[in-house]
Amino acid sequence: MTQHGPAHPRIGRGAPCDVFFEGFRRPGTVRDVSVGGVYVVLSEPPPIDSRLVLTFSLAGDHTHIACEGRVRWLNEPSVFEGCGTTKPNLPPGCGVEFLRLEALDRQRIDALIRLAALREASR
């Protein structure tokens, strides 16, 4: 488990997602999932403060999560292939804050984070 900033514990998963923005669907990958938001790997992320709809599934769970979010920060492509300029350890994309997330989906994310923490602690 990793934690980025003081806000929420996160799990680093790489799962396919769809981002719906301005009438278009953009395929991406979710990483660093928390109950407050997610990092989305996208070659061309929407601008900061853009509102979007995001759909994805959690590892080991095929139930789709559909939520509304807002782009909080960008990690634009750097001169080094596959690396972002703001966070070079992440590929280009954006941080998305969940604005509307069903309570059950939030609970599922929280349970997965807790499970990952228990597994890490037992190592």
Protein backbone atom coordinates (compact mmCIF):
# COMPACT_ATOMS: atom_id res chain seq x y z
CA MET A 1 0.00 0.00 0.00
CA THR A 2 1.21 3.47 -0.79
CA GLN A 3 0.02 6.81 0.47
CA HIS A 4 0.20 10.08 -1.45
CA GLY A 5 -0.23 13.00 0.87
CA PRO A 6 -2.18 12.93 4.11
CA ALA A 7 -5.66 12.54 2.63
CA HIS A 8 -6.37 8.84 2.07
CA PRO A 9 -4.54 5.52 1.99
CA ARG A 10 -4.27 4.12 -1.54
CA ILE A 11 -3.70 0.92 -3.37
CA GLY A 12 -1.76 0.86 -6.60
CA ARG A 13 -3.86 -1.13 -9.03
CA GLY A 14 -3.62 -1.12 -12.78
CA ALA A 15 -7.14 -1.71 -14.09
CA PRO A 16 -8.70 -0.60 -17.36
CA CYS A 17 -11.14 2.29 -17.18
CA ASP A 18 -13.22 4.52 -19.40
CA VAL A 19 -13.24 8.29 -19.04
CA PHE A 20 -16.21 10.15 -20.50
CA PHE A 21 -15.44 13.80 -21.11
CA GLU A 22 -17.12 16.32 -23.44
CA GLY A 23 -19.13 13.60 -25.17
CA PHE A 24 -16.15 11.35 -25.90
CA ARG A 25 -14.98 8.08 -24.38
CA ARG A 26 -11.27 7.78 -23.63
CA PRO A 27 -9.80 4.45 -22.52
CA GLY A 28 -7.30 4.63 -19.68
CA THR A 29 -5.95 2.81 -16.64
CA VAL A 30 -6.71 3.51 -12.98
CA ARG A 31 -3.89 3.47 -10.44
CA ASP A 32 -3.53 4.61 -6.84
CA VAL A 33 -7.18 4.07 -5.92
CA SER A 34 -8.50 5.63 -2.68
CA VAL A 35 -11.94 6.42 -1.29
CA GLY A 36 -11.34 10.05 -2.26
CA GLY A 37 -10.10 9.63 -5.81
CA VAL A 38 -7.86 7.86 -8.28
CA TYR A 39 -4.93 8.43 -10.60
CA VAL A 40 -5.91 7.85 -14.24
CA VAL A 41 -3.27 7.03 -16.84
CA LEU A 42 -4.29 8.86 -20.03
CA SER A 43 -2.25 9.99 -22.99
CA GLU A 44 -4.29 13.21 -23.25
CA PRO A 45 -5.88 14.05 -19.90
CA PRO A 46 -8.64 16.66 -19.63
CA PRO A 47 -7.71 20.09 -18.23
CA ILE A 48 -7.63 20.80 -14.48
CA ASP A 49 -11.11 21.28 -12.95
CA SER A 50 -12.77 19.36 -15.80
CA ARG A 51 -15.72 17.26 -14.69
CA LEU A 52 -15.93 13.75 -16.07
CA VAL A 53 -17.53 10.34 -15.62
CA LEU A 54 -15.23 7.43 -14.84
CA THR A 55 -16.02 3.71 -14.98
CA PHE A 56 -13.72 0.95 -13.72
CA SER A 57 -13.64 -2.32 -11.79
CA LEU A 58 -11.61 -3.25 -8.73
CA ALA A 59 -9.14 -6.14 -8.82
CA GLY A 60 -10.94 -9.45 -8.31
CA ASP A 61 -14.36 -7.80 -8.60
CA HIS A 62 -16.10 -7.51 -11.95
CA THR A 63 -18.78 -5.10 -10.70
CA HIS A 64 -18.28 -1.78 -12.45
CA ILE A 65 -17.96 1.42 -10.50
CA ALA A 66 -19.37 4.47 -12.24
CA CYS A 67 -18.67 7.83 -10.63
CA GLU A 68 -18.42 11.52 -11.34
CA GLY A 69 -15.11 13.21 -10.76
CA ARG A 70 -13.06 16.34 -11.25
CA VAL A 71 -9.49 16.58 -12.53
CA ARG A 72 -7.43 17.94 -9.63
CA TRP A 73 -3.92 17.80 -11.10
CA LEU A 74 -2.12 16.88 -14.32
CA ASN A 75 0.94 14.78 -14.95
CA GLU A 76 1.72 15.80 -18.51
CA PRO A 77 4.14 13.76 -20.64
CA SER A 78 7.80 14.51 -20.11
CA VAL A 79 10.65 14.19 -22.58
CA PHE A 80 11.21 10.70 -21.15
CA GLU A 81 8.82 8.19 -22.69
CA GLY A 82 6.27 6.81 -20.25
CA CYS A 83 7.04 9.38 -17.53
CA GLY A 84 5.07 12.39 -16.41
CA THR A 85 6.55 15.81 -15.67
CA THR A 86 4.95 16.34 -12.23
CA LYS A 87 5.41 12.78 -10.94
CA PRO A 88 8.08 11.04 -13.05
CA ASN A 89 7.38 7.70 -11.31
CA LEU A 90 3.90 7.73 -12.87
CA PRO A 91 2.99 7.64 -16.55
CA PRO A 92 1.19 10.68 -18.00
CA GLY A 93 -2.34 11.17 -16.74
CA CYS A 94 -4.28 13.00 -14.06
CA GLY A 95 -5.46 12.86 -10.49
CA VAL A 96 -9.26 12.65 -10.26
CA GLU A 97 -11.23 13.53 -7.14
CA PHE A 98 -14.49 11.60 -6.70
CA LEU A 99 -17.43 14.02 -6.60
CA ARG A 100 -20.21 11.42 -6.69
CA LEU A 101 -19.44 7.87 -5.65
CA GLU A 102 -22.09 5.45 -4.41
CA ALA A 103 -21.71 4.54 -0.73
CA LEU A 104 -21.47 0.83 -1.58
CA ASP A 105 -18.65 1.50 -4.06
CA ARG A 106 -16.82 3.60 -1.45
CA GLN A 107 -17.17 0.70 1.01
CA ARG A 108 -15.82 -1.78 -1.56
CA ILE A 109 -12.79 0.44 -2.22
CA ASP A 110 -12.19 0.86 1.52
CA ALA A 111 -12.43 -2.92 2.08
CA LEU A 112 -9.89 -3.59 -0.66
CA ILE A 113 -7.48 -1.02 0.84
CA ARG A 114 -7.86 -2.60 4.30
CA LEU A 115 -7.25 -6.06 2.86
CA ALA A 116 -4.09 -4.85 1.11
CA ALA A 117 -2.89 -3.29 4.39
CA LEU A 118 -3.49 -6.57 6.28
CA ARG A 119 -1.60 -8.54 3.64
CA GLU A 120 1.30 -6.08 3.76
CA ALA A 121 1.40 -6.20 7.57
CA SER A 122 1.52 -10.01 7.60
CA ARG A 123 4.63 -10.13 5.41
